[in-house]
C-alpha atoms as a PDB file:
ATOM      1  CA  UNK A   1     273.061 151.327 233.775  1.00  0.00           C
ATOM      2  CA  UNK A   2     270.421 151.914 231.100  1.00  0.00           C
ATOM      3  CA  UNK A   3     269.785 155.510 230.011  1.00  0.00           C
ATOM      4  CA  UNK A   4     266.230 156.555 229.222  1.00  0.00           C
ATOM      5  CA  UNK A   5     265.813 158.976 226.268  1.00  0.00           C
ATOM      6  CA  UNK A   6     264.011 162.262 226.926  1.00  0.00           C
ATOM      7  CA  UNK A   7     260.977 163.573 225.064  1.00  0.00           C
ATOM      8  CA  UNK A   8     260.307 167.309 224.570  1.00  0.00           C
ATOM      9  CA  UNK A   9     256.682 168.296 225.110  1.00  0.00           C
ATOM     10  CA  UNK A  10     255.132 170.108 222.101  1.00  0.00           C
ATOM     11  CA  UNK A  11     252.957 172.166 224.486  1.00  0.00           C
ATOM     12  CA  UNK A  12     255.284 173.460 227.245  1.00  0.00           C
ATOM     13  CA  UNK A  13     258.706 172.456 225.819  1.00  0.00           C
ATOM     14  CA  UNK A  14     259.450 170.584 229.077  1.00  0.00           C
ATOM     15  CA  UNK A  15     261.543 167.425 228.984  1.00  0.00           C
ATOM     16  CA  UNK A  16     260.519 164.082 230.430  1.00  0.00           C
ATOM     17  CA  UNK A  17     261.795 160.517 230.291  1.00  0.00           C
ATOM     18  CA  UNK A  18     260.397 158.349 227.519  1.00  0.00           C
ATOM     19  CA  UNK A  19     259.328 155.586 229.904  1.00  0.00           C
ATOM     20  CA  UNK A  20     257.186 158.017 231.929  1.00  0.00           C
ATOM     21  CA  UNK A  21     255.743 159.907 228.929  1.00  0.00           C
ATOM     22  CA  UNK A  22     254.386 157.166 226.658  1.00  0.00           C
ATOM     23  CA  UNK A  23     251.704 154.593 227.391  1.00  0.00           C
ATOM     24  CA  UNK A  24     251.006 151.681 225.027  1.00  0.00           C
ATOM     25  CA  UNK A  25     247.408 150.952 224.020  1.00  0.00           C
ATOM     26  CA  UNK A  26     246.035 147.553 223.025  1.00  0.00           C
ATOM     27  CA  UNK A  27     245.373 148.761 219.454  1.00  0.00           C
ATOM     28  CA  UNK A  28     249.148 149.301 218.822  1.00  0.00           C
ATOM     29  CA  UNK A  29     248.847 153.082 219.280  1.00  0.00           C
ATOM     30  CA  UNK A  30     250.425 155.099 222.102  1.00  0.00           C
ATOM     31  CA  UNK A  31     249.399 157.973 224.372  1.00  0.00           C
ATOM     32  CA  UNK A  32     251.852 160.786 225.144  1.00  0.00           C
ATOM     33  CA  UNK A  33     251.378 162.568 228.491  1.00  0.00           C
ATOM     34  CA  UNK A  34     253.716 165.373 229.539  1.00  0.00           C
ATOM     35  CA  UNK A  35     255.260 164.795 232.967  1.00  0.00           C
ATOM     36  CA  UNK A  36     255.286 168.548 233.642  1.00  0.00           C
ATOM     37  CA  UNK A  37     252.111 170.143 232.223  1.00  0.00           C
ATOM     38  CA  UNK A  38     250.005 166.926 232.009  1.00  0.00           C
ATOM     39  CA  UNK A  39     248.812 167.694 228.457  1.00  0.00           C
ATOM     40  CA  UNK A  40     248.273 164.567 226.396  1.00  0.00           C
ATOM     41  CA  UNK A  41     248.062 163.401 222.812  1.00  0.00           C
ATOM     42  CA  UNK A  42     246.057 160.218 222.298  1.00  0.00           C
ATOM     43  CA  UNK A  43     246.042 157.548 219.601  1.00  0.00           C
ATOM     44  CA  UNK A  44     249.483 158.248 218.166  1.00  0.00           C
ATOM     45  CA  UNK A  45     249.826 155.715 215.375  1.00  0.00           C
ATOM     46  CA  UNK A  46     252.906 153.494 215.393  1.00  0.00           C
ATOM     47  CA  UNK A  47     254.479 151.556 212.531  1.00  0.00           C
ATOM     48  CA  UNK A  48     253.172 148.351 214.099  1.00  0.00           C
ATOM     49  CA  UNK A  49     249.638 149.779 214.163  1.00  0.00           C
ATOM     50  CA  UNK A  50     249.541 150.437 210.388  1.00  0.00           C
END
């Protein structure tokens, strides 16, 4: 069984699974959305997007 890492929200400090918190964009950036407070951070640059 595969274990999903957890991400800690910088806004509410809540924890959520990685697969439910990050969304890939077509420009190689990602969007983080907290599973608890619904705050989001858009256009997070990845190493592939540089």
